[in-house]
C-alpha cells in the first residue's frame, strides 16, 4: 500500500537536515554526478601540498573523504550545527576547524596556503582567496552554476528574471577571479539530471538547501506540495537539472 501524502510530509519534516550528507535521499531521489569527480581531484591535490584551506566545509564530509591531508589542514564554516559536526569529523584527521562568518577578511595571514578548496561555496571572495594563497598556489573548487534546479525553484516561486537565472555564471566568476589577480587554469560547466521520486524527497531537499526556496515551510506551500505529490504519483518522478562547474585558478608565481 503506497504511503499517503501526510505520511511522507511528516517523515520529511521530522528528519534532521544538519551536515551535508544526502544519504537520506537514497532510493528517493537521484542526481547525476559531474564527469570530473571533484572529490578525487581534490584528494590528489591535497596529497601534494604542505598547507591547505577548505572554505565553507559544511559538515566536513567531503574533506574527510580525502585519502591524505597535508601537514597543515584548515577548514572554515559559519553555521553552528555544521561547525560541531565538522569538528567531530575532522579533528581526529588532524584538520583544524575555524568558525568564520563567510565574509571578508579571512582570519589567515597572507600567502598562508598552497591550496584553497571549496565545494559549493555560497559566496566566493576572490580577493581574499588570492591574498591567502602563496605565489604559485591554486584555488580548486566545484561551484553551483546558473539556474541550478530551477525547475523546482520556479514550481514554487514562479518564473525568475534573467538576472536571477544568470547568477553564478562561470563567465562572471572568471572575470572576478582575474580582477583579483588570479589566472584561470580550468573552467568546465555541466548540466546534470535530477529526479525526485516522492514528495518527501522534495521537502527534505528544500529544508536542507535553504536558499533554493527562501523561507520554505510545508505549511506555507502545502497546496503546491499536495499538487506536486499528485503529479509525481500520476506522471512519475519530478525531473530537474542541477548545474555545476569546476574551476581552478592559480596565483602567479
C-alpha atoms as a PDB file:
ATOM      1  CA  UNK A   1       0.000   0.000   0.000  1.00  0.00           C
ATOM      2  CA  UNK A   2       1.507   3.350  -1.044  1.00  0.00           C
ATOM      3  CA  UNK A   3       2.178   5.874   1.672  1.00  0.00           C
ATOM      4  CA  UNK A   4      -0.096   8.888   1.964  1.00  0.00           C
ATOM      5  CA  UNK A   5       0.848  12.496   1.369  1.00  0.00           C
ATOM      6  CA  UNK A   6       0.575  13.189   5.113  1.00  0.00           C
ATOM      7  CA  UNK A   7       2.840  10.213   5.950  1.00  0.00           C
ATOM      8  CA  UNK A   8       5.559  11.419   3.583  1.00  0.00           C
ATOM      9  CA  UNK A   9       5.281  15.010   4.812  1.00  0.00           C
ATOM     10  CA  UNK A  10       5.527  14.029   8.482  1.00  0.00           C
ATOM     11  CA  UNK A  11       8.605  11.889   7.866  1.00  0.00           C
ATOM     12  CA  UNK A  12      10.416  14.543   5.812  1.00  0.00           C
ATOM     13  CA  UNK A  13       9.639  17.273   8.339  1.00  0.00           C
ATOM     14  CA  UNK A  14      10.946  15.217  11.268  1.00  0.00           C
ATOM     15  CA  UNK A  15      14.326  14.133   9.878  1.00  0.00           C
ATOM     16  CA  UNK A  16      17.473  16.146  10.756  1.00  0.00           C
ATOM     17  CA  UNK A  17      18.972  18.254   7.981  1.00  0.00           C
ATOM     18  CA  UNK A  18      22.290  19.025   9.738  1.00  0.00           C
ATOM     19  CA  UNK A  19      25.518  18.488   7.832  1.00  0.00           C
ATOM     20  CA  UNK A  20      25.934  17.960   4.110  1.00  0.00           C
ATOM     21  CA  UNK A  21      25.191  14.266   3.846  1.00  0.00           C
ATOM     22  CA  UNK A  22      22.298  13.479   1.483  1.00  0.00           C
ATOM     23  CA  UNK A  23      22.144   9.730   2.126  1.00  0.00           C
ATOM     24  CA  UNK A  24      18.571  10.067   3.446  1.00  0.00           C
ATOM     25  CA  UNK A  25      17.569  10.562  -0.202  1.00  0.00           C
ATOM     26  CA  UNK A  26      18.950   7.180  -1.292  1.00  0.00           C
ATOM     27  CA  UNK A  27      16.184   5.477  -3.239  1.00  0.00           C
ATOM     28  CA  UNK A  28      14.038   8.630  -3.130  1.00  0.00           C
ATOM     29  CA  UNK A  29      15.985  10.973  -5.414  1.00  0.00           C
ATOM     30  CA  UNK A  30      18.932  10.794  -7.796  1.00  0.00           C
ATOM     31  CA  UNK A  31      21.417  13.332  -9.138  1.00  0.00           C
ATOM     32  CA  UNK A  32      23.857  12.744 -11.959  1.00  0.00           C
ATOM     33  CA  UNK A  33      27.469  13.420 -10.933  1.00  0.00           C
ATOM     34  CA  UNK A  34      29.853  15.741 -12.799  1.00  0.00           C
ATOM     35  CA  UNK A  35      32.312  13.952 -15.055  1.00  0.00           C
ATOM     36  CA  UNK A  36      35.446  15.358 -13.395  1.00  0.00           C
ATOM     37  CA  UNK A  37      34.971  13.721  -9.961  1.00  0.00           C
ATOM     38  CA  UNK A  38      35.645  16.651  -7.641  1.00  0.00           C
ATOM     39  CA  UNK A  39      36.486  14.643  -4.523  1.00  0.00           C
ATOM     40  CA  UNK A  40      39.057  12.553  -6.388  1.00  0.00           C
ATOM     41  CA  UNK A  41      40.700  15.623  -7.951  1.00  0.00           C
ATOM     42  CA  UNK A  42      40.670  17.465  -4.605  1.00  0.00           C
ATOM     43  CA  UNK A  43      42.189  14.444  -2.858  1.00  0.00           C
ATOM     44  CA  UNK A  44      45.031  14.254  -5.373  1.00  0.00           C
ATOM     45  CA  UNK A  45      45.853  17.941  -4.918  1.00  0.00           C
ATOM     46  CA  UNK A  46      45.709  17.818  -1.121  1.00  0.00           C
ATOM     47  CA  UNK A  47      48.202  14.948  -1.066  1.00  0.00           C
ATOM     48  CA  UNK A  48      50.741  17.059  -2.973  1.00  0.00           C
ATOM     49  CA  UNK A  49      50.824  20.255  -0.849  1.00  0.00           C
ATOM     50  CA  UNK A  50      52.074  21.262   2.611  1.00  0.00           C
ATOM     51  CA  UNK A  51      49.297  23.663   3.679  1.00  0.00           C
ATOM     52  CA  UNK A  52      45.672  23.829   2.528  1.00  0.00           C
ATOM     53  CA  UNK A  53      42.422  25.610   3.373  1.00  0.00           C
ATOM     54  CA  UNK A  54      38.920  24.249   2.723  1.00  0.00           C
ATOM     55  CA  UNK A  55      36.364  27.076   2.672  1.00  0.00           C
ATOM     56  CA  UNK A  56      32.743  26.598   3.777  1.00  0.00           C
ATOM     57  CA  UNK A  57      33.406  22.947   4.583  1.00  0.00           C
ATOM     58  CA  UNK A  58      29.820  22.219   5.684  1.00  0.00           C
ATOM     59  CA  UNK A  59      29.842  19.185   7.962  1.00  0.00           C
ATOM     60  CA  UNK A  60      33.333  18.266   6.723  1.00  0.00           C
ATOM     61  CA  UNK A  61      32.132  15.168   4.862  1.00  0.00           C
ATOM     62  CA  UNK A  62      33.775  15.997   1.524  1.00  0.00           C
ATOM     63  CA  UNK A  63      37.137  16.949   3.045  1.00  0.00           C
ATOM     64  CA  UNK A  64      37.102  13.891   5.320  1.00  0.00           C
ATOM     65  CA  UNK A  65      36.873  11.711   2.213  1.00  0.00           C
ATOM     66  CA  UNK A  66      40.338  12.776   1.039  1.00  0.00           C
ATOM     67  CA  UNK A  67      42.867   9.939   1.068  1.00  0.00           C
ATOM     68  CA  UNK A  68      45.606  12.067   2.670  1.00  0.00           C
ATOM     69  CA  UNK A  69      45.521  15.520   4.237  1.00  0.00           C
ATOM     70  CA  UNK A  70      48.543  17.847   4.154  1.00  0.00           C
ATOM     71  CA  UNK A  71      50.574  18.586   7.332  1.00  0.00           C
ATOM     72  CA  UNK A  72      48.674  21.866   7.739  1.00  0.00           C
ATOM     73  CA  UNK A  73      44.940  21.494   7.011  1.00  0.00           C
ATOM     74  CA  UNK A  74      42.397  24.150   7.977  1.00  0.00           C
ATOM     75  CA  UNK A  75      38.656  24.266   7.254  1.00  0.00           C
ATOM     76  CA  UNK A  76      36.190  27.129   7.778  1.00  0.00           C
ATOM     77  CA  UNK A  77      32.455  27.009   8.414  1.00  0.00           C
ATOM     78  CA  UNK A  78      29.835  29.523   9.573  1.00  0.00           C
ATOM     79  CA  UNK A  79      26.752  27.502  10.567  1.00  0.00           C
ATOM     80  CA  UNK A  80      26.985  26.270  14.215  1.00  0.00           C
ATOM     81  CA  UNK A  81      25.442  22.794  13.681  1.00  0.00           C
ATOM     82  CA  UNK A  82      27.858  22.177  10.805  1.00  0.00           C
ATOM     83  CA  UNK A  83      30.778  23.554  12.848  1.00  0.00           C
ATOM     84  CA  UNK A  84      30.150  20.985  15.551  1.00  0.00           C
ATOM     85  CA  UNK A  85      29.752  18.191  13.020  1.00  0.00           C
ATOM     86  CA  UNK A  86      32.888  19.175  11.056  1.00  0.00           C
ATOM     87  CA  UNK A  87      34.922  19.432  14.266  1.00  0.00           C
ATOM     88  CA  UNK A  88      33.946  15.913  15.329  1.00  0.00           C
ATOM     89  CA  UNK A  89      34.742  14.540  11.888  1.00  0.00           C
ATOM     90  CA  UNK A  90      37.925  16.454  11.000  1.00  0.00           C
ATOM     91  CA  UNK A  91      39.818  16.890  14.288  1.00  0.00           C
ATOM     92  CA  UNK A  92      40.693  13.180  14.502  1.00  0.00           C
ATOM     93  CA  UNK A  93      42.181  13.508  10.992  1.00  0.00           C
ATOM     94  CA  UNK A  94      44.437  16.377  12.047  1.00  0.00           C
ATOM     95  CA  UNK A  95      42.463  19.229  10.492  1.00  0.00           C
ATOM     96  CA  UNK A  96      41.660  22.438  12.377  1.00  0.00           C
ATOM     97  CA  UNK A  97      38.106  23.784  12.009  1.00  0.00           C
ATOM     98  CA  UNK A  98      37.715  27.568  12.295  1.00  0.00           C
ATOM     99  CA  UNK A  99      34.428  29.435  12.823  1.00  0.00           C
ATOM    100  CA  UNK A 100      34.212  32.090  10.110  1.00  0.00           C
ATOM    101  CA  UNK A 101      31.219  34.220   9.037  1.00  0.00           C
ATOM    102  CA  UNK A 102      31.881  33.744   5.285  1.00  0.00           C
ATOM    103  CA  UNK A 103      32.611  37.445   4.934  1.00  0.00           C
ATOM    104  CA  UNK A 104      35.990  39.087   4.325  1.00  0.00           C
ATOM    105  CA  UNK A 105      38.567  39.141   5.688  1.00  0.00           C
ATOM    106  CA  UNK A 106      39.541  35.514   6.118  1.00  0.00           C
ATOM    107  CA  UNK A 107      41.241  35.050   9.521  1.00  0.00           C
ATOM    108  CA  UNK A 108      44.566  33.995   7.995  1.00  0.00           C
ATOM    109  CA  UNK A 109      47.847  35.676   7.052  1.00  0.00           C
ATOM    110  CA  UNK A 110      48.855  36.497   3.501  1.00  0.00           C
ATOM    111  CA  UNK A 111      50.402  33.662   1.486  1.00  0.00           C
ATOM    112  CA  UNK A 112      49.479  31.078   4.148  1.00  0.00           C
ATOM    113  CA  UNK A 113      48.327  28.245   1.870  1.00  0.00           C
ATOM    114  CA  UNK A 114      49.487  26.333  -1.205  1.00  0.00           C
ATOM    115  CA  UNK A 115      45.934  25.255  -1.997  1.00  0.00           C
ATOM    116  CA  UNK A 116      42.452  26.611  -1.264  1.00  0.00           C
ATOM    117  CA  UNK A 117      39.487  24.317  -1.968  1.00  0.00           C
ATOM    118  CA  UNK A 118      35.714  24.591  -1.701  1.00  0.00           C
ATOM    119  CA  UNK A 119      32.718  22.531  -2.744  1.00  0.00           C
ATOM    120  CA  UNK A 120      29.562  24.526  -3.435  1.00  0.00           C
ATOM    121  CA  UNK A 121      30.512  27.762  -1.655  1.00  0.00           C
ATOM    122  CA  UNK A 122      27.601  30.121  -1.058  1.00  0.00           C
ATOM    123  CA  UNK A 123      29.847  33.157  -1.563  1.00  0.00           C
ATOM    124  CA  UNK A 124      33.264  33.480  -3.232  1.00  0.00           C
ATOM    125  CA  UNK A 125      35.575  36.281  -2.076  1.00  0.00           C
ATOM    126  CA  UNK A 126      38.203  36.178  -4.818  1.00  0.00           C
ATOM    127  CA  UNK A 127      40.425  38.923  -3.394  1.00  0.00           C
ATOM    128  CA  UNK A 128      40.655  37.083  -0.074  1.00  0.00           C
ATOM    129  CA  UNK A 129      41.397  33.793  -1.824  1.00  0.00           C
ATOM    130  CA  UNK A 130      44.183  35.487  -3.775  1.00  0.00           C
ATOM    131  CA  UNK A 131      45.558  37.082  -0.584  1.00  0.00           C
ATOM    132  CA  UNK A 132      45.891  33.852   1.408  1.00  0.00           C
ATOM    133  CA  UNK A 133      47.377  31.860  -1.492  1.00  0.00           C
ATOM    134  CA  UNK A 134      51.133  31.591  -1.828  1.00  0.00           C
ATOM    135  CA  UNK A 135      52.616  32.638  -5.190  1.00  0.00           C
ATOM    136  CA  UNK A 136      52.127  29.661  -7.494  1.00  0.00           C
ATOM    137  CA  UNK A 137      49.316  28.357  -5.283  1.00  0.00           C
ATOM    138  CA  UNK A 138      45.887  27.321  -6.595  1.00  0.00           C
ATOM    139  CA  UNK A 139      42.194  27.587  -5.848  1.00  0.00           C
ATOM    140  CA  UNK A 140      40.344  24.378  -6.814  1.00  0.00           C
ATOM    141  CA  UNK A 141      36.585  24.226  -6.357  1.00  0.00           C
ATOM    142  CA  UNK A 142      33.259  22.928  -7.586  1.00  0.00           C
ATOM    143  CA  UNK A 143      30.709  25.719  -7.755  1.00  0.00           C
ATOM    144  CA  UNK A 144      26.966  25.648  -8.233  1.00  0.00           C
ATOM    145  CA  UNK A 145      26.220  27.090 -11.666  1.00  0.00           C
ATOM    146  CA  UNK A 146      23.451  29.331 -13.044  1.00  0.00           C
ATOM    147  CA  UNK A 147      19.739  28.427 -12.763  1.00  0.00           C
ATOM    148  CA  UNK A 148      20.526  25.251 -10.846  1.00  0.00           C
ATOM    149  CA  UNK A 149      17.434  23.118 -10.051  1.00  0.00           C
ATOM    150  CA  UNK A 150      15.293  25.995 -11.330  1.00  0.00           C
ATOM    151  CA  UNK A 151      12.549  23.625 -12.467  1.00  0.00           C
ATOM    152  CA  UNK A 152      11.892  23.087  -8.745  1.00  0.00           C
ATOM    153  CA  UNK A 153      12.534  26.721  -7.751  1.00  0.00           C
ATOM    154  CA  UNK A 154      10.107  28.025 -10.361  1.00  0.00           C
ATOM    155  CA  UNK A 155       7.473  25.424  -9.479  1.00  0.00           C
ATOM    156  CA  UNK A 156       7.202  27.108  -6.067  1.00  0.00           C
ATOM    157  CA  UNK A 157       8.232  30.713  -6.815  1.00  0.00           C
ATOM    158  CA  UNK A 158       7.100  31.198 -10.409  1.00  0.00           C
ATOM    159  CA  UNK A 159       9.246  32.392 -13.350  1.00  0.00           C
ATOM    160  CA  UNK A 160      12.510  34.059 -12.328  1.00  0.00           C
ATOM    161  CA  UNK A 161      14.118  37.028 -14.063  1.00  0.00           C
ATOM    162  CA  UNK A 162      17.010  36.586 -16.474  1.00  0.00           C
ATOM    163  CA  UNK A 163      19.250  38.402 -13.992  1.00  0.00           C
ATOM    164  CA  UNK A 164      18.476  35.851 -11.287  1.00  0.00           C
ATOM    165  CA  UNK A 165      18.766  32.922 -13.703  1.00  0.00           C
ATOM    166  CA  UNK A 166      22.226  34.165 -14.748  1.00  0.00           C
ATOM    167  CA  UNK A 167      23.560  34.370 -11.192  1.00  0.00           C
ATOM    168  CA  UNK A 168      26.698  32.268 -10.557  1.00  0.00           C
ATOM    169  CA  UNK A 169      27.605  32.234 -14.243  1.00  0.00           C
ATOM    170  CA  UNK A 170      31.129  30.867 -14.914  1.00  0.00           C
ATOM    171  CA  UNK A 171      31.948  33.845 -17.157  1.00  0.00           C
ATOM    172  CA  UNK A 172      31.301  36.189 -14.232  1.00  0.00           C
ATOM    173  CA  UNK A 173      33.454  34.067 -11.933  1.00  0.00           C
ATOM    174  CA  UNK A 174      36.267  34.165 -14.485  1.00  0.00           C
ATOM    175  CA  UNK A 175      36.049  37.956 -14.645  1.00  0.00           C
ATOM    176  CA  UNK A 176      36.084  38.331 -10.853  1.00  0.00           C
ATOM    177  CA  UNK A 177      38.953  35.869 -10.372  1.00  0.00           C
ATOM    178  CA  UNK A 178      41.060  37.645 -12.974  1.00  0.00           C
ATOM    179  CA  UNK A 179      40.250  41.017 -11.412  1.00  0.00           C
ATOM    180  CA  UNK A 180      41.703  39.661  -8.153  1.00  0.00           C
ATOM    181  CA  UNK A 181      44.947  38.788  -9.957  1.00  0.00           C
ATOM    182  CA  UNK A 182      44.377  35.060 -10.466  1.00  0.00           C
ATOM    183  CA  UNK A 183      44.813  33.105 -13.705  1.00  0.00           C
ATOM    184  CA  UNK A 184      42.033  30.691 -14.710  1.00  0.00           C
ATOM    185  CA  UNK A 185      43.591  27.304 -15.478  1.00  0.00           C
ATOM    186  CA  UNK A 186      40.413  25.231 -15.869  1.00  0.00           C
ATOM    187  CA  UNK A 187      36.711  26.074 -16.124  1.00  0.00           C
ATOM    188  CA  UNK A 188      34.094  23.432 -17.046  1.00  0.00           C
ATOM    189  CA  UNK A 189      30.293  23.633 -16.772  1.00  0.00           C
ATOM    190  CA  UNK A 190      27.855  20.694 -16.847  1.00  0.00           C
ATOM    191  CA  UNK A 191      24.072  20.307 -16.549  1.00  0.00           C
ATOM    192  CA  UNK A 192      23.103  17.243 -14.506  1.00  0.00           C
ATOM    193  CA  UNK A 193      19.774  15.410 -14.376  1.00  0.00           C
ATOM    194  CA  UNK A 194      17.951  15.108 -11.038  1.00  0.00           C
ATOM    195  CA  UNK A 195      14.845  13.037 -10.251  1.00  0.00           C
ATOM    196  CA  UNK A 196      12.613  13.252  -7.167  1.00  0.00           C
ATOM    197  CA  UNK A 197      10.576  10.072  -6.654  1.00  0.00           C
ATOM    198  CA  UNK A 198       8.293  11.237  -3.835  1.00  0.00           C
ATOM    199  CA  UNK A 199       7.183  14.452  -2.152  1.00  0.00           C
ATOM    200  CA  UNK A 200       9.183  13.630   0.971  1.00  0.00           C
ATOM    201  CA  UNK A 201      12.387  13.902  -1.083  1.00  0.00           C
ATOM    202  CA  UNK A 202      11.336  17.347  -2.331  1.00  0.00           C
ATOM    203  CA  UNK A 203      10.584  18.555   1.203  1.00  0.00           C
ATOM    204  CA  UNK A 204      13.865  17.223   2.595  1.00  0.00           C
ATOM    205  CA  UNK A 205      15.850  18.829  -0.241  1.00  0.00           C
ATOM    206  CA  UNK A 206      14.207  22.237   0.243  1.00  0.00           C
ATOM    207  CA  UNK A 207      14.654  22.091   4.027  1.00  0.00           C
ATOM    208  CA  UNK A 208      18.352  21.304   3.587  1.00  0.00           C
ATOM    209  CA  UNK A 209      19.257  23.576   0.653  1.00  0.00           C
ATOM    210  CA  UNK A 210      17.576  26.604   2.226  1.00  0.00           C
ATOM    211  CA  UNK A 211      18.476  29.151  -0.466  1.00  0.00           C
ATOM    212  CA  UNK A 212      16.523  27.329  -3.185  1.00  0.00           C
ATOM    213  CA  UNK A 213      13.110  28.492  -1.947  1.00  0.00           C
ATOM    214  CA  UNK A 214      13.845  31.072   0.782  1.00  0.00           C
ATOM    215  CA  UNK A 215      11.516  30.757   3.755  1.00  0.00           C
ATOM    216  CA  UNK A 216      10.279  27.336   2.649  1.00  0.00           C
ATOM    217  CA  UNK A 217       7.968  25.567   5.078  1.00  0.00           C
ATOM    218  CA  UNK A 218       5.477  22.787   4.469  1.00  0.00           C
ATOM    219  CA  UNK A 219       2.672  24.902   5.902  1.00  0.00           C
ATOM    220  CA  UNK A 220       3.408  27.805   3.585  1.00  0.00           C
ATOM    221  CA  UNK A 221       3.500  25.654   0.445  1.00  0.00           C
ATOM    222  CA  UNK A 222       1.142  22.821   1.419  1.00  0.00           C
ATOM    223  CA  UNK A 223      -1.178  23.323  -1.576  1.00  0.00           C
ATOM    224  CA  UNK A 224       1.693  23.318  -4.065  1.00  0.00           C
ATOM    225  CA  UNK A 225       3.235  20.294  -2.352  1.00  0.00           C
ATOM    226  CA  UNK A 226      -0.037  18.382  -2.472  1.00  0.00           C
ATOM    227  CA  UNK A 227      -0.421  19.160  -6.181  1.00  0.00           C
ATOM    228  CA  UNK A 228       3.163  18.049  -6.823  1.00  0.00           C
ATOM    229  CA  UNK A 229       2.576  14.855  -4.852  1.00  0.00           C
ATOM    230  CA  UNK A 230      -0.397  14.045  -7.105  1.00  0.00           C
ATOM    231  CA  UNK A 231       1.667  14.838 -10.192  1.00  0.00           C
ATOM    232  CA  UNK A 232       4.521  12.524  -9.128  1.00  0.00           C
ATOM    233  CA  UNK A 233       2.053   9.704  -8.356  1.00  0.00           C
ATOM    234  CA  UNK A 234       0.364  10.020 -11.758  1.00  0.00           C
ATOM    235  CA  UNK A 235       3.253  11.015 -14.068  1.00  0.00           C
ATOM    236  CA  UNK A 236       6.403   9.685 -12.378  1.00  0.00           C
ATOM    237  CA  UNK A 237       9.490  11.418 -10.953  1.00  0.00           C
ATOM    238  CA  UNK A 238       9.801  15.210 -10.941  1.00  0.00           C
ATOM    239  CA  UNK A 239      12.795  16.000 -13.172  1.00  0.00           C
ATOM    240  CA  UNK A 240      15.109  18.974 -12.645  1.00  0.00           C
ATOM    241  CA  UNK A 241      18.673  19.826 -13.644  1.00  0.00           C
ATOM    242  CA  UNK A 242      21.472  20.997 -11.385  1.00  0.00           C
ATOM    243  CA  UNK A 243      24.385  22.947 -12.871  1.00  0.00           C
ATOM    244  CA  UNK A 244      27.954  22.587 -11.630  1.00  0.00           C
ATOM    245  CA  UNK A 245      31.277  23.933 -12.757  1.00  0.00           C
ATOM    246  CA  UNK A 246      34.835  23.003 -11.908  1.00  0.00           C
ATOM    247  CA  UNK A 247      37.135  25.994 -11.535  1.00  0.00           C
ATOM    248  CA  UNK A 248      40.878  26.113 -10.989  1.00  0.00           C
ATOM    249  CA  UNK A 249      42.621  29.464 -10.600  1.00  0.00           C
ATOM    250  CA  UNK A 250      46.319  29.993  -9.964  1.00  0.00           C
ATOM    251  CA  UNK A 251      48.146  32.833  -8.266  1.00  0.00           C
ATOM    252  CA  UNK A 252      51.090  33.875 -10.482  1.00  0.00           C
ATOM    253  CA  UNK A 253      54.478  32.820  -9.133  1.00  0.00           C
END
